[in-house]
Amino acid sequence: MGIHYRERLLPRWWAWLVSGAMVAMLAIAYGGALGLAAGVAVGTLGGALVGWLLWITSPEVAVDAAGLHAAGAVLPPWALGPATVLDRAGVARQRGPGSDARLYVVLRPWSAARGVLVEVRDPQDPHPAWLVSSRRPELLAAAVTVSHGDTLGPNPAQPTEAT
């Protein structure tokens, strides 16, 4: 069973543009004060550093045979519950006043305002659900549903009672 879904929550184009503009301003300032070589060096190194930081701070969301992966955490297939697609207002309700503070949250509003709420079927998990940003929440929810449907049996980590 291969990968059902994969997405990296990269910032939107305007975040890259603003970051680039900030690096350019810094490069121009150093270039004006210390010369063209210093400005080019600051621009090149600063641009590479900012690009690298934007990339590594963007979590990856994936669904595969091992379960749902979000920002380094994994929810195994047997613990996946129903997945609900949320629009901008639904995500705001889930993270706003009166929401459950125990949710595992992977939100990047600058990259995706919509998301998916995945219920957790493991009674020992401290998180009742995962709230995950996605640019394509319908596809993510469908992948979770497929993975959830493949494993509707008992929790292999829980001992079963002998009859």
N, C-alpha and C. Protein backbone atom coordinates (compact mmCIF):
# COMPACT_ATOMS: atom_id res chain seq x y z
N MET A 1 0.85 -1.17 0.00
CA MET A 1 0.00 0.00 0.00
C MET A 1 0.90 1.24 0.00
N GLY A 2 0.78 2.09 -0.99
CA GLY A 2 1.65 3.25 -1.14
C GLY A 2 1.10 4.48 -0.44
N ILE A 3 1.60 5.59 -0.86
CA ILE A 3 1.17 6.86 -0.29
C ILE A 3 -0.18 7.24 -0.87
N HIS A 4 -1.12 7.57 0.01
CA HIS A 4 -2.44 8.00 -0.41
C HIS A 4 -2.48 9.51 -0.66
N TYR A 5 -1.68 10.25 0.12
CA TYR A 5 -1.73 11.71 0.05
C TYR A 5 -0.44 12.28 0.63
N ARG A 6 0.05 13.37 0.03
CA ARG A 6 1.21 14.08 0.58
C ARG A 6 1.11 15.54 0.17
N GLU A 7 1.42 16.40 1.14
CA GLU A 7 1.37 17.85 0.91
C GLU A 7 2.33 18.53 1.88
N ARG A 8 3.07 19.50 1.38
CA ARG A 8 3.91 20.34 2.24
C ARG A 8 3.21 21.69 2.36
N LEU A 9 3.02 22.15 3.57
CA LEU A 9 2.30 23.40 3.84
C LEU A 9 3.24 24.60 3.71
N LEU A 10 3.67 24.85 2.49
CA LEU A 10 4.55 25.98 2.22
C LEU A 10 3.78 27.30 2.33
N PRO A 11 4.47 28.36 2.70
CA PRO A 11 3.80 29.67 2.74
C PRO A 11 3.31 30.08 1.35
N ARG A 12 2.32 30.93 1.32
CA ARG A 12 1.80 31.43 0.05
C ARG A 12 2.83 32.34 -0.63
N TRP A 13 2.56 32.69 -1.87
CA TRP A 13 3.49 33.46 -2.69
C TRP A 13 3.85 34.79 -2.04
N TRP A 14 2.89 35.42 -1.36
CA TRP A 14 3.15 36.73 -0.79
C TRP A 14 4.15 36.65 0.37
N ALA A 15 4.19 35.53 1.10
CA ALA A 15 5.17 35.39 2.19
C ALA A 15 6.58 35.29 1.61
N TRP A 16 6.70 34.58 0.49
CA TRP A 16 8.00 34.50 -0.18
C TRP A 16 8.41 35.88 -0.70
N LEU A 17 7.45 36.62 -1.26
CA LEU A 17 7.72 37.95 -1.80
C LEU A 17 8.14 38.92 -0.69
N VAL A 18 7.44 38.92 0.43
CA VAL A 18 7.79 39.80 1.55
C VAL A 18 9.17 39.43 2.10
N SER A 19 9.43 38.14 2.23
CA SER A 19 10.75 37.69 2.71
C SER A 19 11.85 38.13 1.76
N GLY A 20 11.60 37.98 0.47
CA GLY A 20 12.58 38.40 -0.53
C GLY A 20 12.82 39.90 -0.49
N ALA A 21 11.75 40.66 -0.30
CA ALA A 21 11.88 42.12 -0.22
C ALA A 21 12.70 42.53 1.00
N MET A 22 12.51 41.84 2.11
CA MET A 22 13.28 42.16 3.31
C MET A 22 14.76 41.86 3.10
N VAL A 23 15.06 40.74 2.47
CA VAL A 23 16.45 40.39 2.17
C VAL A 23 17.05 41.41 1.21
N ALA A 24 16.26 41.82 0.21
CA ALA A 24 16.76 42.80 -0.77
C ALA A 24 17.07 44.13 -0.08
N MET A 25 16.20 44.58 0.84
CA MET A 25 16.47 45.83 1.55
C MET A 25 17.75 45.74 2.37
N LEU A 26 17.93 44.60 3.02
CA LEU A 26 19.15 44.40 3.81
C LEU A 26 20.38 44.38 2.90
N ALA A 27 20.28 43.72 1.76
CA ALA A 27 21.39 43.65 0.82
C ALA A 27 21.73 45.04 0.27
N ILE A 28 20.72 45.83 -0.04
CA ILE A 28 20.96 47.19 -0.54
C ILE A 28 21.64 48.05 0.53
N ALA A 29 21.18 47.91 1.78
CA ALA A 29 21.78 48.68 2.87
C ALA A 29 23.25 48.31 3.06
N TYR A 30 23.55 47.01 3.09
CA TYR A 30 24.94 46.59 3.24
C TYR A 30 25.76 46.95 2.01
N GLY A 31 25.14 46.83 0.84
CA GLY A 31 25.85 47.20 -0.39
C GLY A 31 26.19 48.67 -0.42
N GLY A 32 25.26 49.52 0.04
CA GLY A 32 25.52 50.96 0.08
C GLY A 32 26.59 51.32 1.10
N ALA A 33 26.63 50.62 2.21
CA ALA A 33 27.58 50.94 3.28
C ALA A 33 28.95 50.31 3.06
N LEU A 34 28.97 49.06 2.55
CA LEU A 34 30.24 48.33 2.47
C LEU A 34 30.69 48.01 1.05
N GLY A 35 29.87 48.32 0.08
CA GLY A 35 30.25 48.07 -1.30
C GLY A 35 29.42 46.97 -1.94
N LEU A 36 29.54 46.91 -3.27
CA LEU A 36 28.74 45.99 -4.06
C LEU A 36 28.96 44.53 -3.67
N ALA A 37 30.17 44.13 -3.43
CA ALA A 37 30.46 42.73 -3.08
C ALA A 37 29.75 42.33 -1.79
N ALA A 38 29.76 43.20 -0.81
CA ALA A 38 29.07 42.90 0.46
C ALA A 38 27.57 42.81 0.25
N GLY A 39 27.01 43.70 -0.58
CA GLY A 39 25.58 43.66 -0.86
C GLY A 39 25.17 42.38 -1.57
N VAL A 40 25.97 41.97 -2.55
CA VAL A 40 25.68 40.72 -3.27
C VAL A 40 25.79 39.53 -2.33
N ALA A 41 26.82 39.53 -1.49
CA ALA A 41 27.01 38.42 -0.54
C ALA A 41 25.85 38.34 0.45
N VAL A 42 25.45 39.47 1.00
CA VAL A 42 24.33 39.49 1.95
C VAL A 42 23.05 39.05 1.25
N GLY A 43 22.82 39.54 0.04
CA GLY A 43 21.62 39.15 -0.70
C GLY A 43 21.59 37.67 -1.01
N THR A 44 22.71 37.14 -1.46
CA THR A 44 22.76 35.72 -1.81
C THR A 44 22.61 34.84 -0.57
N LEU A 45 23.41 35.11 0.45
CA LEU A 45 23.34 34.30 1.67
C LEU A 45 22.02 34.49 2.40
N GLY A 46 21.55 35.73 2.47
CA GLY A 46 20.27 35.99 3.13
C GLY A 46 19.11 35.34 2.41
N GLY A 47 19.12 35.42 1.09
CA GLY A 47 18.06 34.78 0.32
C GLY A 47 18.05 33.27 0.50
N ALA A 48 19.25 32.68 0.47
CA ALA A 48 19.34 31.23 0.67
C ALA A 48 18.88 30.84 2.08
N LEU A 49 19.28 31.62 3.08
CA LEU A 49 18.89 31.32 4.46
C LEU A 49 17.39 31.46 4.67
N VAL A 50 16.79 32.53 4.16
CA VAL A 50 15.36 32.74 4.32
C VAL A 50 14.57 31.66 3.58
N GLY A 51 15.00 31.32 2.36
CA GLY A 51 14.34 30.25 1.61
C GLY A 51 14.40 28.92 2.35
N TRP A 52 15.56 28.63 2.90
CA TRP A 52 15.75 27.39 3.66
C TRP A 52 14.85 27.38 4.91
N LEU A 53 14.79 28.50 5.61
CA LEU A 53 13.95 28.58 6.81
C LEU A 53 12.47 28.44 6.47
N LEU A 54 12.03 29.07 5.40
CA LEU A 54 10.63 28.91 5.00
C LEU A 54 10.32 27.46 4.63
N TRP A 55 11.28 26.78 4.02
CA TRP A 55 11.07 25.38 3.63
C TRP A 55 11.02 24.46 4.85
N ILE A 56 12.00 24.58 5.74
CA ILE A 56 12.07 23.62 6.86
C ILE A 56 11.00 23.87 7.92
N THR A 57 10.46 25.07 7.98
CA THR A 57 9.40 25.32 8.96
C THR A 57 8.01 25.02 8.40
N SER A 58 7.96 24.53 7.18
CA SER A 58 6.69 24.15 6.55
C SER A 58 6.46 22.66 6.77
N PRO A 59 5.48 22.31 7.59
CA PRO A 59 5.28 20.89 7.90
C PRO A 59 4.74 20.12 6.70
N GLU A 60 5.02 18.83 6.71
CA GLU A 60 4.48 17.95 5.69
C GLU A 60 3.32 17.17 6.29
N VAL A 61 2.27 17.02 5.50
CA VAL A 61 1.10 16.22 5.89
C VAL A 61 1.02 15.08 4.89
N ALA A 62 0.92 13.85 5.39
CA ALA A 62 0.86 12.70 4.49
C ALA A 62 -0.01 11.62 5.11
N VAL A 63 -0.59 10.81 4.23
CA VAL A 63 -1.33 9.62 4.65
C VAL A 63 -0.76 8.46 3.85
N ASP A 64 -0.28 7.44 4.56
CA ASP A 64 0.25 6.25 3.91
C ASP A 64 -0.07 5.03 4.76
N ALA A 65 0.60 3.93 4.51
CA ALA A 65 0.33 2.69 5.23
C ALA A 65 0.60 2.82 6.73
N ALA A 66 1.47 3.74 7.11
CA ALA A 66 1.80 3.92 8.53
C ALA A 66 0.79 4.81 9.24
N GLY A 67 -0.09 5.48 8.50
CA GLY A 67 -1.10 6.32 9.12
C GLY A 67 -1.05 7.76 8.62
N LEU A 68 -1.55 8.66 9.46
CA LEU A 68 -1.56 10.09 9.15
C LEU A 68 -0.33 10.72 9.78
N HIS A 69 0.46 11.40 8.96
CA HIS A 69 1.66 12.09 9.41
C HIS A 69 1.39 13.59 9.33
N ALA A 70 1.67 14.30 10.41
CA ALA A 70 1.50 15.76 10.41
C ALA A 70 2.55 16.37 11.31
N ALA A 71 3.44 17.15 10.71
CA ALA A 71 4.48 17.87 11.45
C ALA A 71 5.32 16.94 12.33
N GLY A 72 5.65 15.78 11.82
CA GLY A 72 6.51 14.85 12.55
C GLY A 72 5.79 13.85 13.43
N ALA A 73 4.53 14.07 13.72
CA ALA A 73 3.76 13.12 14.53
C ALA A 73 3.03 12.15 13.60
N VAL A 74 2.77 10.94 14.12
CA VAL A 74 2.09 9.92 13.32
C VAL A 74 0.90 9.37 14.10
N LEU A 75 -0.24 9.32 13.45
CA LEU A 75 -1.43 8.68 14.00
C LEU A 75 -1.63 7.39 13.21
N PRO A 76 -1.43 6.24 13.84
CA PRO A 76 -1.50 4.97 13.10
C PRO A 76 -2.89 4.71 12.53
N PRO A 77 -2.99 3.88 11.49
CA PRO A 77 -4.27 3.65 10.82
C PRO A 77 -5.37 3.16 11.75
N TRP A 78 -5.03 2.29 12.71
CA TRP A 78 -6.06 1.75 13.60
C TRP A 78 -6.64 2.82 14.53
N ALA A 79 -5.95 3.95 14.69
CA ALA A 79 -6.43 5.02 15.57
C ALA A 79 -7.17 6.11 14.81
N LEU A 80 -7.19 6.02 13.48
CA LEU A 80 -7.87 7.04 12.68
C LEU A 80 -9.37 6.88 12.78
N GLY A 81 -10.04 7.98 13.07
CA GLY A 81 -11.49 8.00 13.08
C GLY A 81 -12.00 8.75 11.87
N PRO A 82 -13.26 9.12 11.89
CA PRO A 82 -13.83 9.87 10.76
C PRO A 82 -13.12 11.20 10.55
N ALA A 83 -13.01 11.60 9.29
CA ALA A 83 -12.38 12.87 8.92
C ALA A 83 -13.45 13.83 8.40
N THR A 84 -13.41 15.06 8.90
CA THR A 84 -14.38 16.08 8.50
C THR A 84 -13.66 17.24 7.84
N VAL A 85 -14.08 17.61 6.64
CA VAL A 85 -13.52 18.76 5.94
C VAL A 85 -14.08 20.03 6.56
N LEU A 86 -13.18 20.98 6.85
CA LEU A 86 -13.59 22.25 7.46
C LEU A 86 -13.23 23.42 6.55
N ASP A 87 -14.16 24.34 6.41
CA ASP A 87 -13.85 25.57 5.69
C ASP A 87 -13.19 26.54 6.68
N ARG A 88 -12.94 27.76 6.21
CA ARG A 88 -12.27 28.76 7.05
C ARG A 88 -13.01 28.97 8.38
N ALA A 89 -14.34 29.07 8.33
CA ALA A 89 -15.13 29.29 9.55
C ALA A 89 -15.08 28.06 10.47
N GLY A 90 -15.10 26.88 9.89
CA GLY A 90 -15.02 25.66 10.69
C GLY A 90 -13.69 25.53 11.41
N VAL A 91 -12.60 25.88 10.72
CA VAL A 91 -11.28 25.85 11.36
C VAL A 91 -11.24 26.89 12.49
N ALA A 92 -11.79 28.06 12.24
CA ALA A 92 -11.81 29.11 13.27
C ALA A 92 -12.60 28.65 14.50
N ARG A 93 -13.72 27.95 14.29
CA ARG A 93 -14.51 27.43 15.43
C ARG A 93 -13.70 26.40 16.23
N GLN A 94 -12.95 25.56 15.54
CA GLN A 94 -12.20 24.50 16.22
C GLN A 94 -11.00 25.03 17.00
N ARG A 95 -10.50 26.20 16.64
CA ARG A 95 -9.34 26.74 17.36
C ARG A 95 -9.68 27.97 18.18
N GLY A 96 -10.95 28.38 18.17
CA GLY A 96 -11.36 29.59 18.85
C GLY A 96 -11.85 29.34 20.27
N PRO A 97 -12.49 30.34 20.85
CA PRO A 97 -13.01 30.22 22.21
C PRO A 97 -14.01 29.06 22.31
N GLY A 98 -13.90 28.32 23.37
CA GLY A 98 -14.81 27.20 23.60
C GLY A 98 -14.39 25.92 22.91
N SER A 99 -13.29 25.94 22.18
CA SER A 99 -12.84 24.73 21.50
C SER A 99 -12.10 23.82 22.49
N ASP A 100 -11.88 22.60 22.10
CA ASP A 100 -11.20 21.63 22.95
C ASP A 100 -9.69 21.88 22.90
N ALA A 101 -9.11 22.25 24.02
CA ALA A 101 -7.68 22.56 24.08
C ALA A 101 -6.81 21.33 23.91
N ARG A 102 -7.39 20.14 23.94
CA ARG A 102 -6.61 18.92 23.82
C ARG A 102 -6.36 18.52 22.36
N LEU A 103 -6.93 19.25 21.41
CA LEU A 103 -6.72 18.92 20.00
C LEU A 103 -5.24 18.99 19.65
N TYR A 104 -4.79 18.05 18.80
CA TYR A 104 -3.45 18.14 18.22
C TYR A 104 -3.61 19.03 16.99
N VAL A 105 -2.93 20.16 16.98
CA VAL A 105 -3.16 21.18 15.96
C VAL A 105 -1.92 21.38 15.10
N VAL A 106 -2.10 21.26 13.78
CA VAL A 106 -1.07 21.58 12.80
C VAL A 106 -1.72 22.56 11.82
N LEU A 107 -1.72 23.83 12.20
CA LEU A 107 -2.34 24.85 11.38
C LEU A 107 -1.30 25.81 10.85
N ARG A 108 -1.40 26.12 9.59
CA ARG A 108 -0.59 27.14 8.97
C ARG A 108 -1.54 28.04 8.18
N PRO A 109 -2.16 29.03 8.87
CA PRO A 109 -3.17 29.86 8.21
C PRO A 109 -2.62 30.62 7.01
N TRP A 110 -1.31 30.92 6.99
CA TRP A 110 -0.76 31.65 5.85
C TRP A 110 -0.63 30.75 4.62
N SER A 111 -0.69 29.43 4.81
CA SER A 111 -0.58 28.54 3.65
C SER A 111 -1.91 27.89 3.30
N ALA A 112 -2.76 27.68 4.28
CA ALA A 112 -4.05 27.04 4.01
C ALA A 112 -5.04 27.42 5.10
N ALA A 113 -6.10 28.08 4.73
CA ALA A 113 -7.10 28.51 5.71
C ALA A 113 -8.10 27.40 6.01
N ARG A 114 -8.16 26.39 5.14
CA ARG A 114 -9.09 25.28 5.35
C ARG A 114 -8.34 24.11 5.97
N GLY A 115 -9.09 23.11 6.42
CA GLY A 115 -8.42 21.98 7.06
C GLY A 115 -9.32 20.78 7.21
N VAL A 116 -8.80 19.82 7.96
CA VAL A 116 -9.50 18.57 8.22
C VAL A 116 -9.42 18.27 9.72
N LEU A 117 -10.54 17.85 10.28
CA LEU A 117 -10.59 17.40 11.67
C LEU A 117 -10.71 15.88 11.64
N VAL A 118 -9.71 15.19 12.20
CA VAL A 118 -9.69 13.73 12.21
C VAL A 118 -9.85 13.26 13.64
N GLU A 119 -10.91 12.52 13.89
CA GLU A 119 -11.14 11.98 15.23
C GLU A 119 -10.14 10.87 15.52
N VAL A 120 -9.74 10.76 16.79
CA VAL A 120 -8.79 9.74 17.22
C VAL A 120 -9.57 8.65 17.95
N ARG A 121 -9.40 7.40 17.50
CA ARG A 121 -10.13 6.27 18.09
C ARG A 121 -9.39 5.61 19.25
N ASP A 122 -8.18 6.03 19.53
CA ASP A 122 -7.41 5.44 20.62
C ASP A 122 -7.81 6.10 21.94
N PRO A 123 -8.45 5.36 22.86
CA PRO A 123 -8.90 5.98 24.11
C PRO A 123 -7.74 6.42 25.01
N GLN A 124 -6.55 5.91 24.78
CA GLN A 124 -5.41 6.30 25.60
C GLN A 124 -4.66 7.51 25.05
N ASP A 125 -5.02 7.94 23.86
CA ASP A 125 -4.38 9.12 23.27
C ASP A 125 -4.91 10.36 23.98
N PRO A 126 -4.05 11.28 24.38
CA PRO A 126 -4.52 12.49 25.07
C PRO A 126 -5.26 13.47 24.15
N HIS A 127 -5.17 13.25 22.84
CA HIS A 127 -5.81 14.14 21.88
C HIS A 127 -7.07 13.48 21.32
N PRO A 128 -8.23 14.10 21.49
CA PRO A 128 -9.45 13.50 20.96
C PRO A 128 -9.54 13.60 19.43
N ALA A 129 -8.79 14.54 18.85
CA ALA A 129 -8.82 14.72 17.39
C ALA A 129 -7.59 15.50 16.96
N TRP A 130 -7.33 15.42 15.65
CA TRP A 130 -6.26 16.21 15.04
C TRP A 130 -6.90 17.24 14.12
N LEU A 131 -6.44 18.48 14.21
CA LEU A 131 -6.87 19.55 13.34
C LEU A 131 -5.68 19.92 12.46
N VAL A 132 -5.82 19.67 11.15
CA VAL A 132 -4.69 19.80 10.24
C VAL A 132 -5.05 20.71 9.07
N SER A 133 -4.19 21.70 8.79
CA SER A 133 -4.37 22.56 7.62
C SER A 133 -4.14 21.77 6.35
N SER A 134 -4.81 22.20 5.29
CA SER A 134 -4.59 21.59 3.98
C SER A 134 -5.10 22.51 2.89
N ARG A 135 -4.36 22.56 1.79
CA ARG A 135 -4.84 23.29 0.63
C ARG A 135 -5.88 22.48 -0.13
N ARG A 136 -5.85 21.16 0.07
CA ARG A 136 -6.80 20.25 -0.59
C ARG A 136 -7.43 19.35 0.46
N PRO A 137 -8.26 19.93 1.35
CA PRO A 137 -8.81 19.14 2.46
C PRO A 137 -9.71 17.98 2.03
N GLU A 138 -10.36 18.12 0.89
CA GLU A 138 -11.21 17.02 0.42
C GLU A 138 -10.36 15.78 0.11
N LEU A 139 -9.20 16.00 -0.53
CA LEU A 139 -8.32 14.87 -0.85
C LEU A 139 -7.70 14.27 0.41
N LEU A 140 -7.32 15.12 1.36
CA LEU A 140 -6.77 14.63 2.62
C LEU A 140 -7.80 13.81 3.38
N ALA A 141 -9.02 14.31 3.47
CA ALA A 141 -10.09 13.58 4.17
C ALA A 141 -10.38 12.25 3.48
N ALA A 142 -10.37 12.24 2.16
CA ALA A 142 -10.61 10.99 1.42
C ALA A 142 -9.50 9.99 1.68
N ALA A 143 -8.26 10.45 1.73
CA ALA A 143 -7.13 9.55 2.01
C ALA A 143 -7.22 8.99 3.42
N VAL A 144 -7.61 9.82 4.38
CA VAL A 144 -7.78 9.34 5.76
C VAL A 144 -8.91 8.32 5.81
N THR A 145 -9.98 8.58 5.09
CA THR A 145 -11.12 7.66 5.06
C THR A 145 -10.70 6.32 4.47
N VAL A 146 -9.91 6.34 3.40
CA VAL A 146 -9.43 5.09 2.79
C VAL A 146 -8.55 4.34 3.79
N SER A 147 -7.63 5.05 4.43
CA SER A 147 -6.74 4.42 5.41
C SER A 147 -7.54 3.91 6.60
N HIS A 148 -8.52 4.69 7.05
CA HIS A 148 -9.39 4.32 8.16
C HIS A 148 -10.22 3.10 7.78
N GLY A 149 -10.72 3.05 6.56
CA GLY A 149 -11.54 1.94 6.10
C GLY A 149 -10.76 0.64 5.98
N ASP A 150 -9.45 0.75 5.71
CA ASP A 150 -8.62 -0.45 5.60
C ASP A 150 -8.36 -1.10 6.94
N THR A 151 -8.58 -0.38 8.03
CA THR A 151 -8.15 -0.87 9.34
C THR A 151 -9.23 -0.72 10.39
N LEU A 152 -10.44 -1.09 10.09
CA LEU A 152 -11.51 -0.93 11.07
C LEU A 152 -11.53 -2.05 12.11
N GLY A 153 -10.49 -2.84 12.17
CA GLY A 153 -10.41 -3.91 13.16
C GLY A 153 -10.00 -3.38 14.51
N PRO A 154 -9.67 -4.28 15.45
CA PRO A 154 -9.29 -3.85 16.79
C PRO A 154 -7.92 -3.20 16.81
N ASN A 155 -7.68 -2.47 17.85
CA ASN A 155 -6.41 -1.79 18.06
C ASN A 155 -5.35 -2.84 18.39
N PRO A 156 -4.31 -3.01 17.56
CA PRO A 156 -3.31 -4.02 17.83
C PRO A 156 -2.46 -3.71 19.06
N ALA A 157 -2.45 -2.49 19.50
CA ALA A 157 -1.66 -2.13 20.68
C ALA A 157 -2.40 -2.42 21.98
N GLN A 158 -3.71 -2.65 21.88
CA GLN A 158 -4.53 -2.92 23.07
C GLN A 158 -4.67 -4.44 23.24
N PRO A 159 -4.50 -4.94 24.45
CA PRO A 159 -4.73 -6.37 24.65
C PRO A 159 -6.22 -6.68 24.54
N THR A 160 -6.54 -7.81 23.97
CA THR A 160 -7.95 -8.21 23.83
C THR A 160 -8.28 -9.18 24.94
N GLU A 161 -9.54 -9.16 25.35
CA GLU A 161 -9.97 -10.07 26.40
C GLU A 161 -10.20 -11.46 25.84
N ALA A 162 -9.75 -12.45 26.58
CA ALA A 162 -9.97 -13.84 26.16
C ALA A 162 -11.39 -14.25 26.58
N THR A 163 -12.06 -14.95 25.69
CA THR A 163 -13.42 -15.38 26.04
C THR A 163 -13.46 -16.84 26.38
